Amino acid sequence: METDAHNQADTIVFALERAMQNSAWRQLRVEEQTEIILARDRLTSVKQGNDVAEIHQAIVALDLATRRYAEQMMETAVRNAIRGQI
């Protein structure tokens, strides 16, 4: 279970790092970017330990922090797709 939590945390942090290269990242307010970065840093920190519950709490916190960003990425993708069809 501990290994699963570490692997999940690693996967999430890696995916977020890639997602931060998306143009939608620049559309977020600085406060939103900061909240996401802080949540990512907390997950990165706690995943070094062995407390599975703490890792899961950090994953949930990062998930909550990135929800608007995920919506923004979807909107950007849809806009780009529509532009490509015209």
C-alpha atoms as a PDB file:
ATOM      1  CA  MET A   1       0.000   0.000   0.000  1.00  0.00           C
ATOM      2  CA  GLU A   2       2.844   2.381   0.822  1.00  0.00           C
ATOM      3  CA  THR A   3       4.472   1.700  -2.547  1.00  0.00           C
ATOM      4  CA  ASP A   4       1.161   2.326  -4.298  1.00  0.00           C
ATOM      5  CA  ALA A   5       0.802   5.699  -2.572  1.00  0.00           C
ATOM      6  CA  HIS A   6       4.343   6.686  -3.537  1.00  0.00           C
ATOM      7  CA  ASN A   7       3.795   5.594  -7.139  1.00  0.00           C
ATOM      8  CA  GLN A   8       0.504   7.460  -7.345  1.00  0.00           C
ATOM      9  CA  ALA A   9       2.130  10.596  -5.932  1.00  0.00           C
ATOM     10  CA  ASP A  10       5.015  10.342  -8.399  1.00  0.00           C
ATOM     11  CA  THR A  11       2.602   9.927 -11.316  1.00  0.00           C
ATOM     12  CA  ILE A  12       0.498  12.899 -10.242  1.00  0.00           C
ATOM     13  CA  VAL A  13       3.481  15.200  -9.758  1.00  0.00           C
ATOM     14  CA  PHE A  14       4.924  14.169 -13.137  1.00  0.00           C
ATOM     15  CA  ALA A  15       1.575  14.744 -14.882  1.00  0.00           C
ATOM     16  CA  LEU A  16       1.218  18.154 -13.266  1.00  0.00           C
ATOM     17  CA  GLU A  17       4.724  19.180 -14.320  1.00  0.00           C
ATOM     18  CA  ARG A  18       3.813  18.337 -17.915  1.00  0.00           C
ATOM     19  CA  ALA A  19       0.432  20.030 -17.651  1.00  0.00           C
ATOM     20  CA  MET A  20       2.050  23.242 -16.418  1.00  0.00           C
ATOM     21  CA  GLN A  21       3.534  23.587 -19.912  1.00  0.00           C
ATOM     22  CA  ASN A  22       0.005  23.915 -21.339  1.00  0.00           C
ATOM     23  CA  SER A  23      -1.029  27.400 -22.439  1.00  0.00           C
ATOM     24  CA  ALA A  24      -3.940  27.213 -19.983  1.00  0.00           C
ATOM     25  CA  TRP A  25      -1.411  27.579 -17.144  1.00  0.00           C
ATOM     26  CA  ARG A  26      -0.730  31.167 -18.207  1.00  0.00           C
ATOM     27  CA  GLN A  27      -4.462  31.898 -18.079  1.00  0.00           C
ATOM     28  CA  LEU A  28      -4.647  31.169 -14.364  1.00  0.00           C
ATOM     29  CA  ARG A  29      -4.341  33.964 -11.853  1.00  0.00           C
ATOM     30  CA  VAL A  30      -1.066  34.130  -9.937  1.00  0.00           C
ATOM     31  CA  GLU A  31      -2.938  33.156  -6.775  1.00  0.00           C
ATOM     32  CA  GLU A  32      -4.244  29.999  -8.462  1.00  0.00           C
ATOM     33  CA  GLN A  33      -0.796  29.097  -9.762  1.00  0.00           C
ATOM     34  CA  THR A  34       0.656  29.642  -6.292  1.00  0.00           C
ATOM     35  CA  GLU A  35      -1.989  27.432  -4.656  1.00  0.00           C
ATOM     36  CA  ILE A  36      -1.241  24.636  -7.128  1.00  0.00           C
ATOM     37  CA  ILE A  37       2.527  24.974  -6.693  1.00  0.00           C
ATOM     38  CA  LEU A  38       2.215  24.892  -2.904  1.00  0.00           C
ATOM     39  CA  ALA A  39      -0.010  21.789  -3.053  1.00  0.00           C
ATOM     40  CA  ARG A  40       2.450  20.131  -5.459  1.00  0.00           C
ATOM     41  CA  ASP A  41       5.380  20.965  -3.199  1.00  0.00           C
ATOM     42  CA  ARG A  42       3.560  19.549  -0.181  1.00  0.00           C
ATOM     43  CA  LEU A  43       2.861  16.307  -2.022  1.00  0.00           C
ATOM     44  CA  THR A  44       6.474  16.144  -3.169  1.00  0.00           C
ATOM     45  CA  SER A  45       7.576  16.586   0.434  1.00  0.00           C
ATOM     46  CA  VAL A  46       5.213  14.115   2.118  1.00  0.00           C
ATOM     47  CA  LYS A  47       5.798  11.398  -0.467  1.00  0.00           C
ATOM     48  CA  GLN A  48       9.344  11.166   0.830  1.00  0.00           C
ATOM     49  CA  GLY A  49       7.946   9.768   4.064  1.00  0.00           C
ATOM     50  CA  ASN A  50       6.051   6.602   4.906  1.00  0.00           C
ATOM     51  CA  ASP A  51       2.737   8.040   6.120  1.00  0.00           C
ATOM     52  CA  VAL A  52       0.248   6.748   3.548  1.00  0.00           C
ATOM     53  CA  ALA A  53      -2.635   8.755   5.018  1.00  0.00           C
ATOM     54  CA  GLU A  54      -0.614  11.970   4.773  1.00  0.00           C
ATOM     55  CA  ILE A  55       0.292  11.190   1.157  1.00  0.00           C
ATOM     56  CA  HIS A  56      -3.367  10.613   0.322  1.00  0.00           C
ATOM     57  CA  GLN A  57      -4.349  13.876   2.055  1.00  0.00           C
ATOM     58  CA  ALA A  58      -1.760  15.735  -0.034  1.00  0.00           C
ATOM     59  CA  ILE A  59      -3.072  14.068  -3.207  1.00  0.00           C
ATOM     60  CA  VAL A  60      -6.620  15.183  -2.381  1.00  0.00           C
ATOM     61  CA  ALA A  61      -5.417  18.720  -1.629  1.00  0.00           C
ATOM     62  CA  LEU A  62      -3.604  18.878  -4.974  1.00  0.00           C
ATOM     63  CA  ASP A  63      -6.662  17.510  -6.748  1.00  0.00           C
ATOM     64  CA  LEU A  64      -8.819  20.247  -5.247  1.00  0.00           C
ATOM     65  CA  ALA A  65      -6.249  22.920  -6.084  1.00  0.00           C
ATOM     66  CA  THR A  66      -6.055  21.842  -9.741  1.00  0.00           C
ATOM     67  CA  ARG A  67      -9.751  21.485 -10.554  1.00  0.00           C
ATOM     68  CA  ARG A  68     -10.166  24.941 -12.071  1.00  0.00           C
ATOM     69  CA  TYR A  69      -6.932  24.425 -13.983  1.00  0.00           C
ATOM     70  CA  ALA A  70      -8.255  21.163 -15.426  1.00  0.00           C
ATOM     71  CA  GLU A  71     -11.407  22.981 -16.522  1.00  0.00           C
ATOM     72  CA  GLN A  72      -9.279  25.715 -18.090  1.00  0.00           C
ATOM     73  CA  MET A  73      -7.238  23.116 -19.984  1.00  0.00           C
ATOM     74  CA  MET A  74     -10.419  21.512 -21.332  1.00  0.00           C
ATOM     75  CA  GLU A  75     -11.820  24.865 -22.427  1.00  0.00           C
ATOM     76  CA  THR A  76      -8.552  25.691 -24.192  1.00  0.00           C
ATOM     77  CA  ALA A  77      -8.545  22.308 -25.944  1.00  0.00           C
ATOM     78  CA  VAL A  78     -12.150  22.727 -27.081  1.00  0.00           C
ATOM     79  CA  ARG A  79     -11.478  26.261 -28.346  1.00  0.00           C
ATOM     80  CA  ASN A  80      -8.451  25.046 -30.275  1.00  0.00           C
ATOM     81  CA  ALA A  81     -10.406  22.136 -31.728  1.00  0.00           C
ATOM     82  CA  ILE A  82     -13.230  24.425 -32.834  1.00  0.00           C
ATOM     83  CA  ARG A  83     -10.764  26.811 -34.463  1.00  0.00           C
ATOM     84  CA  GLY A  84      -9.254  23.877 -36.320  1.00  0.00           C
ATOM     85  CA  GLN A  85     -12.660  22.907 -37.742  1.00  0.00           C
ATOM     86  CA  ILE A  86     -13.473  26.324 -39.142  1.00  0.00           C
END
